Amino acid sequence: MLVAHDYPRLIRELHTELDGQDERWRSQAHEIVQGRLQSPHAFLEWATRDHHWSFTLAEVMRDVRAKPSELATRLLIAILEELREEQQTAFAVSE
């Protein structure tokens, strides 16, 4: 089980693992995240304390009926999507 200080590493690992995927990356990300996220409650707690990702959590929490495991999966995918967009923007600017 990951402890709070391991979540940034998990995010980096997943981002690297999904880097270069085609349009299906979101479905692949969903499958991978569900297999790798061991403690949804701990991840959500970490995200509430993280200055940057707490804003992403607030956006994901629009559907308050979601179970913690679903919410944690959505949050991690949203984080990966944001990192992917930042990477694509940086690549476009460097061209």
PDB file of N, CA and C in Angstrom:
ATOM      1  N   MET A   1       0.842  -1.174   0.000  1.00  0.00           N
ATOM      2  CA  MET A   1       0.000   0.000   0.000  1.00  0.00           C
ATOM      3  C   MET A   1       0.891   1.242   0.000  1.00  0.00           C
ATOM      4  N   LEU A   2       0.524   2.218  -0.793  1.00  0.00           N
ATOM      5  CA  LEU A   2       1.290   3.455  -0.880  1.00  0.00           C
ATOM      6  C   LEU A   2       0.977   4.351   0.302  1.00  0.00           C
ATOM      7  N   VAL A   3       1.975   5.045   0.766  1.00  0.00           N
ATOM      8  CA  VAL A   3       1.748   6.066   1.778  1.00  0.00           C
ATOM      9  C   VAL A   3       1.699   7.410   1.070  1.00  0.00           C
ATOM     10  N   ALA A   4       1.268   8.439   1.792  1.00  0.00           N
ATOM     11  CA  ALA A   4       0.999   9.733   1.166  1.00  0.00           C
ATOM     12  C   ALA A   4       2.166  10.260   0.348  1.00  0.00           C
ATOM     13  N   HIS A   5       3.377  10.118   0.834  1.00  0.00           N
ATOM     14  CA  HIS A   5       4.501  10.691   0.106  1.00  0.00           C
ATOM     15  C   HIS A   5       4.827   9.926  -1.173  1.00  0.00           C
ATOM     16  N   ASP A   6       4.190   8.813  -1.413  1.00  0.00           N
ATOM     17  CA  ASP A   6       4.429   8.036  -2.633  1.00  0.00           C
ATOM     18  C   ASP A   6       3.512   8.440  -3.792  1.00  0.00           C
ATOM     19  N   TYR A   7       2.483   9.228  -3.542  1.00  0.00           N
ATOM     20  CA  TYR A   7       1.554   9.572  -4.615  1.00  0.00           C
ATOM     21  C   TYR A   7       2.181  10.390  -5.737  1.00  0.00           C
ATOM     22  N   PRO A   8       3.041  11.352  -5.457  1.00  0.00           N
ATOM     23  CA  PRO A   8       3.704  12.038  -6.571  1.00  0.00           C
ATOM     24  C   PRO A   8       4.508  11.068  -7.447  1.00  0.00           C
ATOM     25  N   ARG A   9       5.144  10.088  -6.811  1.00  0.00           N
ATOM     26  CA  ARG A   9       5.897   9.092  -7.576  1.00  0.00           C
ATOM     27  C   ARG A   9       4.951   8.240  -8.428  1.00  0.00           C
ATOM     28  N   LEU A  10       3.817   7.833  -7.851  1.00  0.00           N
ATOM     29  CA  LEU A  10       2.831   7.054  -8.605  1.00  0.00           C
ATOM     30  C   LEU A  10       2.340   7.852  -9.809  1.00  0.00           C
ATOM     31  N   ILE A  11       2.059   9.125  -9.612  1.00  0.00           N
ATOM     32  CA  ILE A  11       1.594   9.983 -10.706  1.00  0.00           C
ATOM     33  C   ILE A  11       2.652  10.057 -11.807  1.00  0.00           C
ATOM     34  N   ARG A  12       3.914  10.271 -11.427  1.00  0.00           N
ATOM     35  CA  ARG A  12       4.999  10.323 -12.421  1.00  0.00           C
ATOM     36  C   ARG A  12       5.127   8.996 -13.164  1.00  0.00           C
ATOM     37  N   GLU A  13       5.060   7.886 -12.441  1.00  0.00           N
ATOM     38  CA  GLU A  13       5.179   6.568 -13.071  1.00  0.00           C
ATOM     39  C   GLU A  13       4.053   6.332 -14.071  1.00  0.00           C
ATOM     40  N   LEU A  14       2.827   6.648 -13.667  1.00  0.00           N
ATOM     41  CA  LEU A  14       1.686   6.457 -14.566  1.00  0.00           C
ATOM     42  C   LEU A  14       1.776   7.386 -15.768  1.00  0.00           C
ATOM     43  N   HIS A  15       2.193   8.612 -15.531  1.00  0.00           N
ATOM     44  CA  HIS A  15       2.343   9.572 -16.630  1.00  0.00           C
ATOM     45  C   HIS A  15       3.369   9.054 -17.642  1.00  0.00           C
ATOM     46  N   THR A  16       4.479   8.544 -17.153  1.00  0.00           N
ATOM     47  CA  THR A  16       5.516   7.991 -18.020  1.00  0.00           C
ATOM     48  C   THR A  16       5.003   6.752 -18.754  1.00  0.00           C
ATOM     49  N   GLU A  17       4.289   5.900 -18.035  1.00  0.00           N
ATOM     50  CA  GLU A  17       3.757   4.669 -18.627  1.00  0.00           C
ATOM     51  C   GLU A  17       2.766   4.952 -19.747  1.00  0.00           C
ATOM     52  N   LEU A  18       1.984   5.996 -19.597  1.00  0.00           N
ATOM     53  CA  LEU A  18       0.951   6.321 -20.591  1.00  0.00           C
ATOM     54  C   LEU A  18       1.439   7.297 -21.658  1.00  0.00           C
ATOM     55  N   ASP A  19       2.646   7.811 -21.507  1.00  0.00           N
ATOM     56  CA  ASP A  19       3.188   8.756 -22.468  1.00  0.00           C
ATOM     57  C   ASP A  19       3.291   8.118 -23.852  1.00  0.00           C
ATOM     58  N   GLY A  20       2.859   8.841 -24.848  1.00  0.00           N
ATOM     59  CA  GLY A  20       2.940   8.349 -26.217  1.00  0.00           C
ATOM     60  C   GLY A  20       1.764   7.493 -26.650  1.00  0.00           C
ATOM     61  N   GLN A  21       0.808   7.272 -25.769  1.00  0.00           N
ATOM     62  CA  GLN A  21      -0.376   6.488 -26.134  1.00  0.00           C
ATOM     63  C   GLN A  21      -1.249   7.297 -27.090  1.00  0.00           C
ATOM     64  N   ASP A  22      -2.000   6.610 -27.892  1.00  0.00           N
ATOM     65  CA  ASP A  22      -2.884   7.281 -28.851  1.00  0.00           C
ATOM     66  C   ASP A  22      -4.169   7.744 -28.160  1.00  0.00           C
ATOM     67  N   GLU A  23      -5.212   7.961 -28.915  1.00  0.00           N
ATOM     68  CA  GLU A  23      -6.470   8.477 -28.397  1.00  0.00           C
ATOM     69  C   GLU A  23      -7.113   7.554 -27.369  1.00  0.00           C
ATOM     70  N   ARG A  24      -6.713   6.308 -27.333  1.00  0.00           N
ATOM     71  CA  ARG A  24      -7.297   5.361 -26.383  1.00  0.00           C
ATOM     72  C   ARG A  24      -6.647   5.446 -25.011  1.00  0.00           C
ATOM     73  N   TRP A  25      -5.778   6.419 -24.809  1.00  0.00           N
ATOM     74  CA  TRP A  25      -5.034   6.488 -23.554  1.00  0.00           C
ATOM     75  C   TRP A  25      -5.947   6.568 -22.346  1.00  0.00           C
ATOM     76  N   ARG A  26      -7.103   7.239 -22.489  1.00  0.00           N
ATOM     77  CA  ARG A  26      -8.011   7.406 -21.351  1.00  0.00           C
ATOM     78  C   ARG A  26      -8.560   6.063 -20.879  1.00  0.00           C
ATOM     79  N   SER A  27      -8.973   5.208 -21.784  1.00  0.00           N
ATOM     80  CA  SER A  27      -9.473   3.895 -21.372  1.00  0.00           C
ATOM     81  C   SER A  27      -8.338   3.043 -20.802  1.00  0.00           C
ATOM     82  N   GLN A  28      -7.156   3.158 -21.383  1.00  0.00           N
ATOM     83  CA  GLN A  28      -5.998   2.444 -20.845  1.00  0.00           C
ATOM     84  C   GLN A  28      -5.637   2.990 -19.474  1.00  0.00           C
ATOM     85  N   ALA A  29      -5.719   4.296 -19.310  1.00  0.00           N
ATOM     86  CA  ALA A  29      -5.415   4.921 -18.021  1.00  0.00           C
ATOM     87  C   ALA A  29      -6.391   4.432 -16.961  1.00  0.00           C
ATOM     88  N   HIS A  30      -7.655   4.348 -17.306  1.00  0.00           N
ATOM     89  CA  HIS A  30      -8.678   3.904 -16.359  1.00  0.00           C
ATOM     90  C   HIS A  30      -8.357   2.501 -15.856  1.00  0.00           C
ATOM     91  N   GLU A  31      -8.020   1.627 -16.753  1.00  0.00           N
ATOM     92  CA  GLU A  31      -7.696   0.243 -16.397  1.00  0.00           C
ATOM     93  C   GLU A  31      -6.443   0.180 -15.523  1.00  0.00           C
ATOM     94  N   ILE A  32      -5.408   0.914 -15.908  1.00  0.00           N
ATOM     95  CA  ILE A  32      -4.143   0.904 -15.165  1.00  0.00           C
ATOM     96  C   ILE A  32      -4.333   1.519 -13.781  1.00  0.00           C
ATOM     97  N   VAL A  33      -5.043   2.641 -13.711  1.00  0.00           N
ATOM     98  CA  VAL A  33      -5.251   3.327 -12.436  1.00  0.00           C
ATOM     99  C   VAL A  33      -6.004   2.434 -11.460  1.00  0.00           C
ATOM    100  N   GLN A  34      -7.043   1.784 -11.924  1.00  0.00           N
ATOM    101  CA  GLN A  34      -7.810   0.922 -11.038  1.00  0.00           C
ATOM    102  C   GLN A  34      -6.951  -0.208 -10.472  1.00  0.00           C
ATOM    103  N   GLY A  35      -5.989  -0.669 -11.252  1.00  0.00           N
ATOM    104  CA  GLY A  35      -5.115  -1.730 -10.778  1.00  0.00           C
ATOM    105  C   GLY A  35      -4.010  -1.251  -9.856  1.00  0.00           C
ATOM    106  N   ARG A  36      -3.619   0.007  -9.959  1.00  0.00           N
ATOM    107  CA  ARG A  36      -2.469   0.511  -9.204  1.00  0.00           C
ATOM    108  C   ARG A  36      -2.839   1.333  -7.964  1.00  0.00           C
ATOM    109  N   LEU A  37      -4.046   1.845  -7.903  1.00  0.00           N
ATOM    110  CA  LEU A  37      -4.449   2.693  -6.779  1.00  0.00           C
ATOM    111  C   LEU A  37      -4.992   1.803  -5.664  1.00  0.00           C
ATOM    112  N   GLN A  38      -4.177   1.597  -4.648  1.00  0.00           N
ATOM    113  CA  GLN A  38      -4.505   0.651  -3.584  1.00  0.00           C
ATOM    114  C   GLN A  38      -5.434   1.211  -2.513  1.00  0.00           C
ATOM    115  N   SER A  39      -5.301   2.479  -2.204  1.00  0.00           N
ATOM    116  CA  SER A  39      -6.083   3.066  -1.113  1.00  0.00           C
ATOM    117  C   SER A  39      -6.741   4.368  -1.564  1.00  0.00           C
ATOM    118  N   PRO A  40      -7.938   4.278  -2.130  1.00  0.00           N
ATOM    119  CA  PRO A  40      -8.617   5.477  -2.620  1.00  0.00           C
ATOM    120  C   PRO A  40      -8.805   6.553  -1.544  1.00  0.00           C
ATOM    121  N   HIS A  41      -9.161   6.141  -0.329  1.00  0.00           N
ATOM    122  CA  HIS A  41      -9.369   7.119   0.741  1.00  0.00           C
ATOM    123  C   HIS A  41      -8.083   7.892   1.041  1.00  0.00           C
ATOM    124  N   ALA A  42      -6.969   7.183   1.139  1.00  0.00           N
ATOM    125  CA  ALA A  42      -5.695   7.834   1.428  1.00  0.00           C
ATOM    126  C   ALA A  42      -5.289   8.765   0.289  1.00  0.00           C
ATOM    127  N   PHE A  43      -5.548   8.347  -0.953  1.00  0.00           N
ATOM    128  CA  PHE A  43      -5.221   9.192  -2.102  1.00  0.00           C
ATOM    129  C   PHE A  43      -6.053  10.469  -2.088  1.00  0.00           C
ATOM    130  N   LEU A  44      -7.342  10.347  -1.807  1.00  0.00           N
ATOM    131  CA  LEU A  44      -8.211  11.525  -1.739  1.00  0.00           C
ATOM    132  C   LEU A  44      -7.789  12.450  -0.602  1.00  0.00           C
ATOM    133  N   GLU A  45      -7.410  11.871   0.521  1.00  0.00           N
ATOM    134  CA  GLU A  45      -6.932  12.677   1.650  1.00  0.00           C
ATOM    135  C   GLU A  45      -5.653  13.428   1.271  1.00  0.00           C
ATOM    136  N   TRP A  46      -4.739  12.731   0.599  1.00  0.00           N
ATOM    137  CA  TRP A  46      -3.509  13.377   0.142  1.00  0.00           C
ATOM    138  C   TRP A  46      -3.829  14.527  -0.808  1.00  0.00           C
ATOM    139  N   ALA A  47      -4.743  14.301  -1.730  1.00  0.00           N
ATOM    140  CA  ALA A  47      -5.088  15.320  -2.729  1.00  0.00           C
ATOM    141  C   ALA A  47      -5.706  16.557  -2.075  1.00  0.00           C
ATOM    142  N   THR A  48      -6.471  16.367  -1.006  1.00  0.00           N
ATOM    143  CA  THR A  48      -7.059  17.535  -0.336  1.00  0.00           C
ATOM    144  C   THR A  48      -5.984  18.401   0.306  1.00  0.00           C
ATOM    145  N   ARG A  49      -4.864  17.802   0.687  1.00  0.00           N
ATOM    146  CA  ARG A  49      -3.774  18.564   1.317  1.00  0.00           C
ATOM    147  C   ARG A  49      -2.764  19.100   0.300  1.00  0.00           C
ATOM    148  N   ASP A  50      -2.797  18.601  -0.910  1.00  0.00           N
ATOM    149  CA  ASP A  50      -1.853  19.044  -1.930  1.00  0.00           C
ATOM    150  C   ASP A  50      -2.369  20.336  -2.568  1.00  0.00           C
ATOM    151  N   HIS A  51      -1.545  21.375  -2.501  1.00  0.00           N
ATOM    152  CA  HIS A  51      -1.981  22.688  -2.982  1.00  0.00           C
ATOM    153  C   HIS A  51      -2.425  22.656  -4.444  1.00  0.00           C
ATOM    154  N   HIS A  52      -1.668  22.021  -5.295  1.00  0.00           N
ATOM    155  CA  HIS A  52      -1.992  22.010  -6.724  1.00  0.00           C
ATOM    156  C   HIS A  52      -3.176  21.103  -7.037  1.00  0.00           C
ATOM    157  N   TRP A  53      -3.122  19.870  -6.581  1.00  0.00           N
ATOM    158  CA  TRP A  53      -4.128  18.882  -6.985  1.00  0.00           C
ATOM    159  C   TRP A  53      -5.439  19.019  -6.225  1.00  0.00           C
ATOM    160  N   SER A  54      -5.476  19.790  -5.158  1.00  0.00           N
ATOM    161  CA  SER A  54      -6.737  19.992  -4.452  1.00  0.00           C
ATOM    162  C   SER A  54      -7.752  20.712  -5.342  1.00  0.00           C
ATOM    163  N   PHE A  55      -7.275  21.568  -6.226  1.00  0.00           N
ATOM    164  CA  PHE A  55      -8.171  22.256  -7.162  1.00  0.00           C
ATOM    165  C   PHE A  55      -8.749  21.270  -8.182  1.00  0.00           C
ATOM    166  N   THR A  56      -7.926  20.347  -8.632  1.00  0.00           N
ATOM    167  CA  THR A  56      -8.406  19.317  -9.556  1.00  0.00           C
ATOM    168  C   THR A  56      -9.423  18.434  -8.853  1.00  0.00           C
ATOM    169  N   LEU A  57      -9.172  18.105  -7.594  1.00  0.00           N
ATOM    170  CA  LEU A  57     -10.119  17.315  -6.809  1.00  0.00           C
ATOM    171  C   LEU A  57     -11.463  18.026  -6.722  1.00  0.00           C
ATOM    172  N   ALA A  58     -11.436  19.331  -6.476  1.00  0.00           N
ATOM    173  CA  ALA A  58     -12.685  20.092  -6.389  1.00  0.00           C
ATOM    174  C   ALA A  58     -13.479  20.008  -7.692  1.00  0.00           C
ATOM    175  N   GLU A  59     -12.790  20.045  -8.821  1.00  0.00           N
ATOM    176  CA  GLU A  59     -13.467  19.930 -10.117  1.00  0.00           C
ATOM    177  C   GLU A  59     -14.075  18.548 -10.296  1.00  0.00           C
ATOM    178  N   VAL A  60     -13.369  17.525  -9.866  1.00  0.00           N
ATOM    179  CA  VAL A  60     -13.826  16.142 -10.037  1.00  0.00           C
ATOM    180  C   VAL A  60     -14.990  15.830  -9.101  1.00  0.00           C
ATOM    181  N   MET A  61     -15.070  16.533  -7.994  1.00  0.00           N
ATOM    182  CA  MET A  61     -16.084  16.230  -6.975  1.00  0.00           C
ATOM    183  C   MET A  61     -17.473  16.760  -7.317  1.00  0.00           C
ATOM    184  N   ARG A  62     -17.674  17.199  -8.502  1.00  0.00           N
ATOM    185  CA  ARG A  62     -19.002  17.705  -8.885  1.00  0.00           C
ATOM    186  C   ARG A  62     -20.081  16.645  -8.691  1.00  0.00           C
ATOM    187  N   ASP A  63     -19.743  15.397  -8.953  1.00  0.00           N
ATOM    188  CA  ASP A  63     -20.692  14.295  -8.756  1.00  0.00           C
ATOM    189  C   ASP A  63     -20.455  13.722  -7.364  1.00  0.00           C
ATOM    190  N   VAL A  64     -21.190  14.245  -6.393  1.00  0.00           N
ATOM    191  CA  VAL A  64     -20.969  13.850  -5.003  1.00  0.00           C
ATOM    192  C   VAL A  64     -21.484  12.445  -4.706  1.00  0.00           C
ATOM    193  N   ARG A  65     -22.185  11.854  -5.635  1.00  0.00           N
ATOM    194  CA  ARG A  65     -22.719  10.510  -5.422  1.00  0.00           C
ATOM    195  C   ARG A  65     -21.688   9.428  -5.714  1.00  0.00           C
ATOM    196  N   ALA A  66     -20.541   9.804  -6.222  1.00  0.00           N
ATOM    197  CA  ALA A  66     -19.520   8.820  -6.578  1.00  0.00           C
ATOM    198  C   ALA A  66     -18.932   8.186  -5.322  1.00  0.00           C
ATOM    199  N   LYS A  67     -18.650   6.907  -5.418  1.00  0.00           N
ATOM    200  CA  LYS A  67     -17.975   6.196  -4.337  1.00  0.00           C
ATOM    201  C   LYS A  67     -16.536   6.704  -4.264  1.00  0.00           C
ATOM    202  N   PRO A  68     -15.908   6.593  -3.101  1.00  0.00           N
ATOM    203  CA  PRO A  68     -14.510   7.044  -2.986  1.00  0.00           C
ATOM    204  C   PRO A  68     -13.579   6.405  -4.009  1.00  0.00           C
ATOM    205  N   SER A  69     -13.772   5.138  -4.301  1.00  0.00           N
ATOM    206  CA  SER A  69     -12.900   4.485  -5.279  1.00  0.00           C
ATOM    207  C   SER A  69     -13.096   5.073  -6.670  1.00  0.00           C
ATOM    208  N   GLU A  70     -14.338   5.378  -7.042  1.00  0.00           N
ATOM    209  CA  GLU A  70     -14.620   5.993  -8.339  1.00  0.00           C
ATOM    210  C   GLU A  70     -14.065   7.415  -8.387  1.00  0.00           C
ATOM    211  N   LEU A  71     -14.243   8.146  -7.301  1.00  0.00           N
ATOM    212  CA  LEU A  71     -13.758   9.517  -7.221  1.00  0.00           C
ATOM    213  C   LEU A  71     -12.233   9.560  -7.316  1.00  0.00           C
ATOM    214  N   ALA A  72     -11.560   8.653  -6.611  1.00  0.00           N
ATOM    215  CA  ALA A  72     -10.097   8.593  -6.645  1.00  0.00           C
ATOM    216  C   ALA A  72      -9.606   8.243  -8.045  1.00  0.00           C
ATOM    217  N   THR A  73     -10.284   7.319  -8.711  1.00  0.00           N
ATOM    218  CA  THR A  73      -9.910   6.955 -10.080  1.00  0.00           C
ATOM    219  C   THR A  73     -10.090   8.147 -11.010  1.00  0.00           C
ATOM    220  N   ARG A  74     -11.220   8.826 -10.896  1.00  0.00           N
ATOM    221  CA  ARG A  74     -11.466  10.012 -11.728  1.00  0.00           C
ATOM    222  C   ARG A  74     -10.415  11.087 -11.492  1.00  0.00           C
ATOM    223  N   LEU A  75     -10.068  11.286 -10.223  1.00  0.00           N
ATOM    224  CA  LEU A  75      -9.084  12.297  -9.885  1.00  0.00           C
ATOM    225  C   LEU A  75      -7.725  11.963 -10.482  1.00  0.00           C
ATOM    226  N   LEU A  76      -7.286  10.737 -10.328  1.00  0.00           N
ATOM    227  CA  LEU A  76      -5.979  10.368 -10.856  1.00  0.00           C
ATOM    228  C   LEU A  76      -5.947  10.484 -12.373  1.00  0.00           C
ATOM    229  N   ILE A  77      -7.011  10.117 -13.038  1.00  0.00           N
ATOM    230  CA  ILE A  77      -7.082  10.262 -14.498  1.00  0.00           C
ATOM    231  C   ILE A  77      -7.100  11.738 -14.882  1.00  0.00           C
ATOM    232  N   ALA A  78      -7.807  12.569 -14.118  1.00  0.00           N
ATOM    233  CA  ALA A  78      -7.814  14.015 -14.391  1.00  0.00           C
ATOM    234  C   ALA A  78      -6.419  14.607 -14.221  1.00  0.00           C
ATOM    235  N   ILE A  79      -5.689  14.148 -13.210  1.00  0.00           N
ATOM    236  CA  ILE A  79      -4.312  14.608 -13.010  1.00  0.00           C
ATOM    237  C   ILE A  79      -3.453  14.211 -14.197  1.00  0.00           C
ATOM    238  N   LEU A  80      -3.576  12.954 -14.625  1.00  0.00           N
ATOM    239  CA  LEU A  80      -2.797  12.479 -15.768  1.00  0.00           C
ATOM    240  C   LEU A  80      -3.161  13.230 -17.039  1.00  0.00           C
ATOM    241  N   GLU A  81      -4.446  13.533 -17.200  1.00  0.00           N
ATOM    242  CA  GLU A  81      -4.891  14.285 -18.371  1.00  0.00           C
ATOM    243  C   GLU A  81      -4.304  15.702 -18.357  1.00  0.00           C
ATOM    244  N   GLU A  82      -4.288  16.327 -17.190  1.00  0.00           N
ATOM    245  CA  GLU A  82      -3.716  17.671 -17.082  1.00  0.00           C
ATOM    246  C   GLU A  82      -2.224  17.648 -17.412  1.00  0.00           C
ATOM    247  N   LEU A  83      -1.499  16.665 -16.900  1.00  0.00           N
ATOM    248  CA  LEU A  83      -0.076  16.548 -17.200  1.00  0.00           C
ATOM    249  C   LEU A  83       0.154  16.285 -18.684  1.00  0.00           C
ATOM    250  N   ARG A  84      -0.714  15.482 -19.280  1.00  0.00           N
ATOM    251  CA  ARG A  84      -0.609  15.175 -20.709  1.00  0.00           C
ATOM    252  C   ARG A  84      -0.810  16.445 -21.542  1.00  0.00           C
ATOM    253  N   GLU A  85      -1.810  17.243 -21.165  1.00  0.00           N
ATOM    254  CA  GLU A  85      -2.073  18.492 -21.882  1.00  0.00           C
ATOM    255  C   GLU A  85      -0.913  19.466 -21.734  1.00  0.00           C
ATOM    256  N   GLU A  86      -0.348  19.559 -20.529  1.00  0.00           N
ATOM    257  CA  GLU A  86       0.803  20.430 -20.314  1.00  0.00           C
ATOM    258  C   GLU A  86       1.985  19.995 -21.176  1.00  0.00           C
ATOM    259  N   GLN A  87       2.191  18.695 -21.260  1.00  0.00           N
ATOM    260  CA  GLN A  87       3.286  18.158 -22.065  1.00  0.00           C
ATOM    261  C   GLN A  87       3.065  18.459 -23.546  1.00  0.00           C
ATOM    262  N   GLN A  88       1.850  18.287 -24.031  1.00  0.00           N
ATOM    263  CA  GLN A  88       1.549  18.556 -25.433  1.00  0.00           C
ATOM    264  C   GLN A  88       1.706  20.041 -25.748  1.00  0.00           C
ATOM    265  N   THR A  89       1.309  20.889 -24.827  1.00  0.00           N
ATOM    266  CA  THR A  89       1.454  22.333 -25.019  1.00  0.00           C
ATOM    267  C   THR A  89       2.926  22.716 -25.070  1.00  0.00           C
ATOM    268  N   ALA A  90       3.709  22.169 -24.170  1.00  0.00           N
ATOM    269  CA  ALA A  90       5.151  22.453 -24.146  1.00  0.00           C
ATOM    270  C   ALA A  90       5.817  21.970 -25.434  1.00  0.00           C
ATOM    271  N   PHE A  91       5.384  20.822 -25.935  1.00  0.00           N
ATOM    272  CA  PHE A  91       5.957  20.285 -27.173  1.00  0.00           C
ATOM    273  C   PHE A  91       5.583  21.181 -28.345  1.00  0.00           C
ATOM    274  N   ALA A  92       4.331  21.637 -28.392  1.00  0.00           N
ATOM    275  CA  ALA A  92       3.881  22.504 -29.484  1.00  0.00           C
ATOM    276  C   ALA A  92       4.629  23.831 -29.475  1.00  0.00           C
ATOM    277  N   VAL A  93       4.876  24.370 -28.306  1.00  0.00           N
ATOM    278  CA  VAL A  93       5.585  25.641 -28.193  1.00  0.00           C
ATOM    279  C   VAL A  93       7.048  25.489 -28.625  1.00  0.00           C
ATOM    280  N   SER A  94       7.627  24.336 -28.358  1.00  0.00           N
ATOM    281  CA  SER A  94       9.048  24.136 -28.680  1.00  0.00           C
ATOM    282  C   SER A  94       9.279  23.890 -30.166  1.00  0.00           C
ATOM    283  N   GLU A  95       8.246  23.603 -30.911  1.00  0.00           N
ATOM    284  CA  GLU A  95       8.408  23.340 -32.343  1.00  0.00           C
ATOM    285  C   GLU A  95       8.622  24.592 -33.136  1.00  0.00           C
TER     286      GLU A  95
END
